[in-house]
């Protein structure tokens, strides 16, 4: 006799576990299939959480080294204990994954350990067990994208996973890819003393981000010691007794140059993970990039089978997957559930942080939309001045006719927290005037958001 459930979720990453928890809260019987020894998927185990722990610790190390003397704080020359540094990261991971396990027990969700595959209508096979369910959700996330001919060994040539496990600070770190993951992990090891080189195929880092923000961020990273090889591609990585020799060619073609490194981080993106799911046998359609094809209700072409998160189209962000998981659970329980894809924020957790929501100027120009722009630099913000964290600015883009906020882009300390003010305003179709007329606590960094809003159609007070 097969195990019976209302819902079986395959994958316990952010999208999968939130879908399972919300469905259970709404009265469905739920099982969640996860092959890894801990819950939480890539994000909690080898992604968002451990990388943020290392970013936090390394930022504090940099503050002690560079900022403390100017504040009159004398602590001597700091040293890095790499074993304890990594243990701090592991503690963060452990606390979060055990937290999800507790929530599963609290909500009476059965964790079925093993690899799940769809073997028929309403059936998921896990080892010797066959789970039957009214609804099946595929939430298997994504895996590291690889480059042909460059073998990742997670020691010298590493993915984001291996970059979290280095047992010493490399003298020379070469990052392939100028996206979020590469810049964040490059920042971790750069703060601890590594010389960081970034090779990016395109002519700018952070593709898709606001051009003005990217230009300023590139300048800041260069001041921090980053060396960029833009419009370039890595064609070969050769291991030698002295380290690694990396062949780099212009993206448009041309003669190769050889760069030397101790560690190479391959951070060229991620791809949908569907291995072992039995999609083809079950008749579940995928697109050219291997992602599961779904409609607006996350339904695949096979009745009763759904998919969310990195395994479908859209930005590969944990919070996007979470929102989809909750929305789908609500739908399956007979309630209303939806995701507003126009207001999903993105954050780069470097120092300073970069955060964005909505449209960029480049996108609006391509669409032929008339708009106004308001900007305010942190150099004119009282709290930033006091804290000596004045790099960056807030930029608000609003419709020229209606004044509705279309996009907000921030580079600066705590940008990842500040952007949420913009998300709330945009979720409620707010205008720049709405933000400008709100009362902001003083002195706070958030006042820069108000001042930028004032600048959209008038003048900021402190400029």
Protein backbone atom coordinates (compact mmCIF):
# COMPACT_ATOMS: atom_id res chain seq x y z
CA UNK A 1 0.00 0.00 0.00
CA UNK A 2 1.47 3.35 -1.05
CA UNK A 3 1.87 6.29 1.33
CA UNK A 4 -0.96 8.80 0.85
CA UNK A 5 -0.58 12.60 1.06
CA UNK A 6 -2.36 15.67 -0.20
CA UNK A 7 0.99 17.13 -1.29
CA UNK A 8 4.47 15.82 -1.96
CA UNK A 9 7.21 18.40 -2.42
CA UNK A 10 10.45 17.25 -4.05
CA UNK A 11 13.26 19.41 -2.64
CA UNK A 12 13.62 21.13 0.74
CA UNK A 13 15.29 24.36 -0.32
CA UNK A 14 13.68 27.75 0.45
CA UNK A 15 10.89 27.32 -2.09
CA UNK A 16 10.21 23.70 -1.19
CA UNK A 17 10.24 24.02 2.57
CA UNK A 18 8.10 27.17 2.58
CA UNK A 19 5.61 25.52 0.23
CA UNK A 20 5.46 22.48 2.51
CA UNK A 21 5.07 24.53 5.71
CA UNK A 22 2.37 26.84 4.31
CA UNK A 23 0.42 23.88 2.87
CA UNK A 24 0.57 22.10 6.23
CA UNK A 25 -0.59 25.25 8.01
CA UNK A 26 -3.56 25.36 5.65
CA UNK A 27 -4.58 21.80 6.54
CA UNK A 28 -2.95 19.64 3.86
CA UNK A 29 -1.08 16.43 4.68
CA UNK A 30 2.44 16.97 3.40
CA UNK A 31 5.61 15.02 2.69
CA UNK A 32 8.84 16.64 1.58
CA UNK A 33 11.50 14.60 -0.23
CA UNK A 34 15.11 15.64 0.34
CA UNK A 35 18.23 13.62 -0.47
CA UNK A 36 20.73 15.72 1.49
CA UNK A 37 21.41 14.97 5.17
CA UNK A 38 20.12 18.41 6.18
CA UNK A 39 17.17 20.53 5.09
CA UNK A 40 17.39 23.98 3.52
CA UNK A 41 18.85 23.20 0.10
CA UNK A 42 21.69 25.14 -1.48
CA UNK A 43 20.71 28.41 0.20
CA UNK A 44 20.99 27.32 3.82
CA UNK A 45 23.80 24.77 3.38
CA UNK A 46 26.24 26.06 0.76
CA UNK A 47 24.79 29.33 -0.50
CA UNK A 48 23.03 32.35 1.02
CA UNK A 49 23.55 31.63 4.71
CA UNK A 50 27.19 30.44 4.88
CA UNK A 51 28.35 33.10 2.42
CA UNK A 52 26.67 35.85 4.46
CA UNK A 53 28.32 34.53 7.62
CA UNK A 54 31.74 34.75 5.98
CA UNK A 55 30.92 38.15 4.49
CA UNK A 56 29.96 39.43 7.93
CA UNK A 57 33.05 38.05 9.64
CA UNK A 58 35.41 39.27 6.93
CA UNK A 59 33.81 42.72 6.97
CA UNK A 60 34.40 42.96 10.70
CA UNK A 61 38.02 41.92 10.10
CA UNK A 62 38.36 44.73 7.55
CA UNK A 63 36.77 47.24 9.94
CA UNK A 64 39.20 46.34 12.72
CA UNK A 65 42.08 46.70 10.27
CA UNK A 66 41.09 49.88 8.49
CA UNK A 67 38.27 51.69 10.32
CA UNK A 68 39.05 51.23 14.01
CA UNK A 69 42.22 53.40 14.09
CA UNK A 70 40.28 56.39 12.76
CA UNK A 71 37.73 55.99 15.56
CA UNK A 72 40.36 55.95 18.27
CA UNK A 73 39.98 52.23 18.92
CA UNK A 74 43.34 50.53 19.42
CA UNK A 75 43.32 46.73 19.25
CA UNK A 76 46.57 45.90 17.52
CA UNK A 77 47.01 44.00 14.29
CA UNK A 78 44.20 41.44 13.84
CA UNK A 79 44.89 37.89 12.73
CA UNK A 80 42.61 35.41 11.04
CA UNK A 81 42.07 31.97 12.56
CA UNK A 82 40.78 30.16 9.49
CA UNK A 83 39.58 27.14 11.46
CA UNK A 84 37.41 29.27 13.74
CA UNK A 85 36.42 31.47 10.78
CA UNK A 86 34.92 28.43 9.03
CA UNK A 87 33.44 27.12 12.29
CA UNK A 88 31.55 30.41 12.66
CA UNK A 89 30.07 29.79 9.21
CA UNK A 90 29.18 26.20 10.08
CA UNK A 91 27.41 27.33 13.25
CA UNK A 92 25.19 29.64 11.20
CA UNK A 93 24.34 26.81 8.81
CA UNK A 94 23.62 24.36 11.61
CA UNK A 95 21.30 26.74 13.42
CA UNK A 96 19.28 27.45 10.31
CA UNK A 97 18.98 23.90 9.03
CA UNK A 98 17.95 22.60 12.46
CA UNK A 99 15.39 25.38 12.56
CA UNK A 100 13.74 24.05 9.40
CA UNK A 101 13.77 20.53 10.80
CA UNK A 102 11.99 21.83 13.91
CA UNK A 103 9.37 23.58 11.74
CA UNK A 104 8.75 20.35 9.83
CA UNK A 105 8.07 18.51 13.08
CA UNK A 106 5.93 21.34 14.42
CA UNK A 107 3.77 21.31 11.28
CA UNK A 108 3.67 17.49 11.04
CA UNK A 109 5.47 17.39 7.69
CA UNK A 110 7.12 14.06 6.93
CA UNK A 111 10.70 14.37 5.71
CA UNK A 112 11.22 11.51 3.30
CA UNK A 113 14.99 11.07 2.94
CA UNK A 114 16.26 10.12 -0.50
CA UNK A 115 16.01 11.06 -4.17
CA UNK A 116 12.52 11.53 -5.52
CA UNK A 117 11.32 10.90 -9.07
CA UNK A 118 7.91 11.31 -10.67
CA UNK A 119 6.85 7.83 -11.84
CA UNK A 120 3.25 8.37 -12.80
CA UNK A 121 0.16 10.46 -12.23
CA UNK A 122 0.21 11.43 -8.57
CA UNK A 123 3.16 9.18 -7.73
CA UNK A 124 6.67 9.89 -6.48
CA UNK A 125 9.19 7.11 -5.94
CA UNK A 126 11.81 7.45 -3.19
CA UNK A 127 13.97 4.37 -2.82
CA UNK A 128 11.60 1.48 -2.11
CA UNK A 129 8.71 3.77 -1.17
CA UNK A 130 6.03 5.08 -3.50
CA UNK A 131 4.30 8.24 -2.32
CA UNK A 132 0.87 9.03 -3.71
CA UNK A 133 -0.42 12.59 -3.69
CA UNK A 134 -3.11 14.79 -5.17
CA UNK A 135 -0.42 17.37 -5.88
CA UNK A 136 3.31 17.08 -6.62
CA UNK A 137 5.62 20.10 -6.48
CA UNK A 138 9.07 20.04 -8.06
CA UNK A 139 11.34 22.38 -6.09
CA UNK A 140 14.77 20.91 -6.79
CA UNK A 141 16.53 24.24 -7.29
CA UNK A 142 19.70 24.74 -9.28
CA UNK A 143 23.29 23.59 -9.58
CA UNK A 144 26.56 25.31 -10.41
CA UNK A 145 27.03 26.07 -14.11
CA UNK A 146 30.30 24.71 -15.45
CA UNK A 147 32.72 25.72 -18.19
CA UNK A 148 33.75 23.18 -20.83
CA UNK A 149 37.28 21.87 -20.29
CA UNK A 150 37.63 23.35 -16.78
CA UNK A 151 37.21 20.65 -14.17
CA UNK A 152 36.09 21.77 -10.72
CA UNK A 153 37.95 19.83 -8.01
CA UNK A 154 36.75 22.04 -5.10
CA UNK A 155 40.36 22.47 -3.96
CA UNK A 156 42.26 24.59 -6.47
CA UNK A 157 39.49 25.07 -9.02
CA UNK A 158 36.36 25.67 -6.95
CA UNK A 159 32.70 26.44 -7.29
CA UNK A 160 30.88 28.61 -4.78
CA UNK A 161 30.70 25.51 -2.56
CA UNK A 162 34.47 25.03 -2.49
CA UNK A 163 35.05 28.75 -1.99
CA UNK A 164 33.31 28.40 1.38
CA UNK A 165 35.73 25.68 2.46
CA UNK A 166 39.20 27.01 1.67
CA UNK A 167 41.55 26.05 4.50
CA UNK A 168 43.80 29.06 3.99
CA UNK A 169 43.62 32.49 2.42
CA UNK A 170 44.87 32.24 -1.17
CA UNK A 171 47.48 34.77 -2.17
CA UNK A 172 45.95 35.03 -5.65
CA UNK A 173 42.27 34.36 -6.30
CA UNK A 174 40.97 34.49 -9.85
CA UNK A 175 37.18 34.68 -10.21
CA UNK A 176 35.56 33.65 -13.48
CA UNK A 177 32.35 35.66 -13.66
CA UNK A 178 31.51 39.17 -12.49
CA UNK A 179 28.08 38.35 -11.11
CA UNK A 180 26.75 38.42 -7.56
CA UNK A 181 28.30 35.14 -6.34
CA UNK A 182 31.77 35.87 -7.69
CA UNK A 183 31.89 39.40 -6.29
CA UNK A 184 30.61 38.35 -2.86
CA UNK A 185 33.04 35.47 -2.42
CA UNK A 186 35.83 37.51 -3.97
CA UNK A 187 35.12 40.14 -1.32
CA UNK A 188 35.37 37.59 1.50
CA UNK A 189 38.85 36.44 0.59
CA UNK A 190 39.98 39.84 -0.67
CA UNK A 191 39.31 41.38 2.75
CA UNK A 192 41.48 38.70 4.33
CA UNK A 193 44.41 39.48 2.06
CA UNK A 194 43.92 37.69 -1.27
CA UNK A 195 44.69 39.53 -4.48
CA UNK A 196 41.46 39.21 -6.46
CA UNK A 197 41.19 39.22 -10.24
CA UNK A 198 37.78 38.98 -11.94
CA UNK A 199 37.40 37.83 -15.53
CA UNK A 200 34.01 38.75 -16.99
CA UNK A 201 32.80 37.89 -20.51
CA UNK A 202 30.66 41.02 -20.81
CA UNK A 203 31.91 44.61 -20.79
CA UNK A 204 30.56 45.28 -17.31
CA UNK A 205 30.00 43.41 -14.05
CA UNK A 206 26.53 42.67 -12.60
CA UNK A 207 24.64 42.27 -15.90
CA UNK A 208 21.10 43.61 -15.69
CA UNK A 209 21.83 46.06 -12.87
CA UNK A 210 21.48 49.82 -13.28
CA UNK A 211 24.39 51.12 -15.37
CA UNK A 212 25.18 54.09 -13.14
CA UNK A 213 25.27 51.86 -10.07
CA UNK A 214 27.52 49.36 -11.83
CA UNK A 215 29.94 52.09 -12.89
CA UNK A 216 30.25 53.41 -9.34
CA UNK A 217 30.44 49.95 -7.82
CA UNK A 218 33.23 48.95 -10.19
CA UNK A 219 35.20 52.02 -9.11
CA UNK A 220 34.69 51.17 -5.43
CA UNK A 221 35.78 47.55 -5.89
CA UNK A 222 38.90 48.69 -7.72
CA UNK A 223 39.73 50.90 -4.71
CA UNK A 224 39.34 47.78 -2.56
CA UNK A 225 41.95 45.98 -4.69
CA UNK A 226 39.86 44.13 -7.28
CA UNK A 227 41.41 43.82 -10.73
CA UNK A 228 38.93 43.41 -13.60
CA UNK A 229 39.43 41.80 -16.98
CA UNK A 230 36.20 42.76 -18.72
CA UNK A 231 35.13 41.62 -22.17
CA UNK A 232 37.28 38.53 -21.62
CA UNK A 233 36.89 34.77 -21.39
CA UNK A 234 38.85 31.98 -19.72
CA UNK A 235 39.74 29.24 -22.19
CA UNK A 236 41.99 27.01 -20.09
CA UNK A 237 43.18 26.45 -16.53
CA UNK A 238 46.44 24.52 -16.19
CA UNK A 239 47.72 23.11 -12.89
CA UNK A 240 51.44 23.56 -12.21
CA UNK A 241 53.72 23.06 -9.21
CA UNK A 242 53.58 26.81 -8.58
CA UNK A 243 49.78 27.08 -8.79
CA UNK A 244 47.44 27.64 -11.71
CA UNK A 245 48.01 29.19 -15.12
CA UNK A 246 44.82 30.68 -16.55
CA UNK A 247 44.54 31.43 -20.27
CA UNK A 248 42.38 34.49 -20.94
CA UNK A 249 41.27 35.73 -24.35
CA UNK A 250 39.25 38.76 -25.47
CA UNK A 251 35.58 37.81 -25.73
CA UNK A 252 35.53 39.18 -29.27
CA UNK A 253 38.54 37.06 -30.21
CA UNK A 254 42.26 37.64 -30.14
CA UNK A 255 45.52 36.55 -28.58
CA UNK A 256 45.48 34.90 -25.19
CA UNK A 257 47.28 36.14 -22.10
CA UNK A 258 48.20 33.96 -19.13
CA UNK A 259 47.32 34.92 -15.59
CA UNK A 260 48.60 33.13 -12.48
CA UNK A 261 46.47 32.15 -9.51
CA UNK A 262 46.47 29.89 -6.47
CA UNK A 263 42.72 29.33 -6.56
CA UNK A 264 40.24 29.77 -9.41
CA UNK A 265 36.58 30.31 -8.54
CA UNK A 266 34.15 29.37 -11.31
CA UNK A 267 31.13 31.62 -10.79
CA UNK A 268 29.45 31.78 -14.19
CA UNK A 269 25.92 31.26 -12.95
CA UNK A 270 23.62 28.39 -12.09
CA UNK A 271 21.40 26.01 -14.02
CA UNK A 272 18.15 24.22 -13.19
CA UNK A 273 18.68 20.89 -11.42
CA UNK A 274 16.41 18.17 -12.80
CA UNK A 275 18.70 15.13 -12.73
CA UNK A 276 16.97 11.93 -11.65
CA UNK A 277 13.47 13.42 -11.56
CA UNK A 278 12.23 11.28 -14.42
CA UNK A 279 10.78 14.28 -16.24
CA UNK A 280 11.09 12.84 -19.72
CA UNK A 281 9.51 9.51 -18.77
CA UNK A 282 6.68 11.35 -17.00
CA UNK A 283 6.14 13.59 -20.05
CA UNK A 284 6.94 16.81 -18.17
CA UNK A 285 8.08 19.51 -20.59
CA UNK A 286 11.31 21.48 -20.19
CA UNK A 287 12.68 24.43 -22.16
CA UNK A 288 15.97 24.80 -24.04
CA UNK A 289 17.78 25.66 -20.82
CA UNK A 290 16.51 22.57 -19.04
CA UNK A 291 14.00 24.43 -16.88
CA UNK A 292 10.58 22.97 -16.14
CA UNK A 293 7.88 24.75 -18.15
CA UNK A 294 4.92 26.02 -16.09
CA UNK A 295 1.93 28.30 -16.58
CA UNK A 296 0.97 31.29 -14.44
CA UNK A 297 -0.33 28.92 -11.75
CA UNK A 298 2.98 26.94 -11.66
CA UNK A 299 1.23 23.98 -13.32
CA UNK A 300 3.32 21.85 -15.68
CA UNK A 301 1.84 20.22 -18.76
CA UNK A 302 1.10 17.15 -16.61
CA UNK A 303 -1.99 17.44 -14.42
CA UNK A 304 -1.27 17.62 -10.71
CA UNK A 305 2.45 18.34 -11.14
CA UNK A 306 3.78 21.83 -10.37
CA UNK A 307 7.21 23.48 -10.20
CA UNK A 308 8.66 26.54 -8.44
CA UNK A 309 11.95 28.30 -7.75
CA UNK A 310 15.24 27.99 -9.60
CA UNK A 311 13.99 24.99 -11.56
CA UNK A 312 11.61 27.25 -13.54
CA UNK A 313 12.16 30.52 -15.43
CA UNK A 314 12.84 33.76 -13.59
CA UNK A 315 15.51 35.19 -11.31
CA UNK A 316 17.35 32.53 -9.31
CA UNK A 317 16.72 34.08 -5.91
CA UNK A 318 15.79 32.30 -2.70
CA UNK A 319 13.10 34.86 -1.84
CA UNK A 320 11.53 34.50 -5.29
CA UNK A 321 11.28 30.74 -4.71
CA UNK A 322 9.85 31.32 -1.22
CA UNK A 323 7.10 33.59 -2.53
CA UNK A 324 6.24 31.08 -5.24
CA UNK A 325 6.13 28.26 -2.70
CA UNK A 326 3.70 30.12 -0.46
CA UNK A 327 1.53 31.31 -3.37
CA UNK A 328 1.27 27.78 -4.77
CA UNK A 329 0.46 26.26 -1.38
CA UNK A 330 -2.34 28.78 -0.96
CA UNK A 331 -3.72 27.92 -4.39
CA UNK A 332 -3.62 24.18 -3.69
CA UNK A 333 -5.49 24.76 -0.42
CA UNK A 334 -8.23 26.66 -2.24
CA UNK A 335 -7.08 30.17 -1.37
CA UNK A 336 -5.71 33.05 -3.45
CA UNK A 337 -1.97 33.12 -4.01
CA UNK A 338 0.11 35.29 -6.32
CA UNK A 339 3.58 36.77 -6.74
CA UNK A 340 4.22 40.30 -7.96
CA UNK A 341 7.29 39.78 -10.12
CA UNK A 342 7.67 43.51 -10.73
CA UNK A 343 8.82 44.11 -7.15
CA UNK A 344 11.30 41.34 -6.40
CA UNK A 345 14.44 42.93 -4.94
CA UNK A 346 17.98 41.85 -5.68
CA UNK A 347 20.92 42.41 -3.35
CA UNK A 348 24.69 42.07 -3.62
CA UNK A 349 26.00 41.60 -0.07
CA UNK A 350 29.39 43.18 -0.54
CA UNK A 351 30.63 46.28 1.27
CA UNK A 352 29.05 48.56 0.36
CA UNK A 353 25.95 46.60 -0.58
CA UNK A 354 24.11 47.01 -3.86
CA UNK A 355 20.33 46.64 -3.98
CA UNK A 356 17.77 47.07 -6.70
CA UNK A 357 14.05 46.66 -7.34
CA UNK A 358 12.01 47.38 -10.45
CA UNK A 359 13.20 48.79 -13.76
CA UNK A 360 16.57 50.28 -14.62
CA UNK A 361 17.01 53.39 -16.73
CA UNK A 362 18.34 51.21 -19.53
CA UNK A 363 15.21 49.05 -19.53
CA UNK A 364 12.85 52.03 -19.46
CA UNK A 365 14.67 53.71 -22.35
CA UNK A 366 14.36 50.51 -24.37
CA UNK A 367 10.61 50.45 -23.62
CA UNK A 368 10.20 54.10 -24.56
CA UNK A 369 8.92 55.12 -21.12
CA UNK A 370 9.31 58.75 -20.03
CA UNK A 371 10.59 59.08 -16.49
CA UNK A 372 12.15 61.33 -13.90
CA UNK A 373 15.16 60.46 -11.76
CA UNK A 374 15.98 61.55 -8.24
CA UNK A 375 19.36 60.84 -6.64
CA UNK A 376 20.85 61.50 -3.25
CA UNK A 377 24.41 60.66 -2.18
CA UNK A 378 25.29 59.24 1.20
CA UNK A 379 27.99 61.92 1.47
CA UNK A 380 25.13 64.28 2.35
CA UNK A 381 23.48 61.96 4.87
CA UNK A 382 24.09 62.80 8.53
CA UNK A 383 24.23 59.24 9.83
CA UNK A 384 26.53 58.11 7.01
CA UNK A 385 28.85 61.03 7.74
CA UNK A 386 28.96 60.14 11.42
CA UNK A 387 29.66 56.50 10.64
CA UNK A 388 32.14 57.29 7.85
CA UNK A 389 30.13 55.12 5.43
CA UNK A 390 29.51 57.75 2.79
CA UNK A 391 30.16 55.80 -0.40
CA UNK A 392 27.18 55.35 -2.72
CA UNK A 393 23.77 56.85 -3.33
CA UNK A 394 20.04 56.23 -3.62
CA UNK A 395 18.43 56.52 -7.05
CA UNK A 396 14.66 56.60 -7.58
CA UNK A 397 13.05 56.40 -11.01
CA UNK A 398 9.42 57.48 -11.37
CA UNK A 399 6.97 57.73 -14.25
CA UNK A 400 7.09 61.26 -15.70
CA UNK A 401 3.31 61.54 -15.94
CA UNK A 402 1.94 59.59 -12.97
CA UNK A 403 4.97 59.84 -10.62
CA UNK A 404 4.55 56.13 -9.82
CA UNK A 405 7.86 54.63 -8.68
CA UNK A 406 9.20 52.33 -11.40
CA UNK A 407 12.59 51.41 -9.98
CA UNK A 408 14.91 52.06 -7.06
CA UNK A 409 18.64 51.39 -7.02
CA UNK A 410 20.89 51.78 -4.00
CA UNK A 411 24.60 51.40 -3.45
CA UNK A 412 25.71 51.92 0.12
CA UNK A 413 25.85 50.52 3.64
CA UNK A 414 22.72 48.48 4.50
CA UNK A 415 21.35 48.86 0.97
CA UNK A 416 19.80 45.39 1.31
CA UNK A 417 17.69 46.62 4.23
CA UNK A 418 16.92 50.05 2.76
CA UNK A 419 15.59 48.60 -0.50
CA UNK A 420 12.66 47.07 1.35
CA UNK A 421 11.20 50.56 1.87
CA UNK A 422 11.04 50.87 -1.91
CA UNK A 423 9.55 47.38 -2.27
CA UNK A 424 6.69 48.31 0.07
CA UNK A 425 6.05 51.60 -1.71
CA UNK A 426 6.05 49.93 -5.12
CA UNK A 427 3.84 47.05 -3.95
CA UNK A 428 1.18 49.63 -3.12
CA UNK A 429 1.77 51.54 -6.39
CA UNK A 430 3.29 54.44 -4.48
CA UNK A 431 4.62 57.61 -6.05
CA UNK A 432 7.87 59.42 -5.34
CA UNK A 433 5.76 62.11 -3.63
CA UNK A 434 4.29 59.44 -1.31
CA UNK A 435 7.80 58.53 -0.16
CA UNK A 436 8.91 62.17 0.04
CA UNK A 437 6.01 63.09 2.34
CA UNK A 438 6.66 60.28 4.82
CA UNK A 439 8.37 61.02 8.14
CA UNK A 440 11.74 59.27 8.44
CA UNK A 441 13.59 58.89 11.72
CA UNK A 442 16.65 61.10 12.12
CA UNK A 443 19.51 60.42 11.96
CA UNK A 444 19.22 57.30 9.80
CA UNK A 445 20.61 56.08 6.51
CA UNK A 446 17.00 55.66 5.35
CA UNK A 447 16.66 59.44 5.12
CA UNK A 448 18.62 59.17 1.88
CA UNK A 449 15.61 57.37 0.39
CA UNK A 450 13.33 60.28 1.33
CA UNK A 451 15.82 62.79 -0.07
CA UNK A 452 16.09 60.88 -3.35
CA UNK A 453 12.30 60.90 -3.58
CA UNK A 454 12.29 64.66 -3.02
CA UNK A 455 14.83 64.97 -5.83
CA UNK A 456 12.55 63.24 -8.37
CA UNK A 457 10.29 66.26 -8.88
CA UNK A 458 11.88 68.93 -6.71
CA UNK A 459 14.93 69.40 -4.60
CA UNK A 460 16.33 67.40 -1.67
CA UNK A 461 16.62 69.38 1.55
CA UNK A 462 20.23 68.48 2.29
CA UNK A 463 21.73 69.14 -1.13
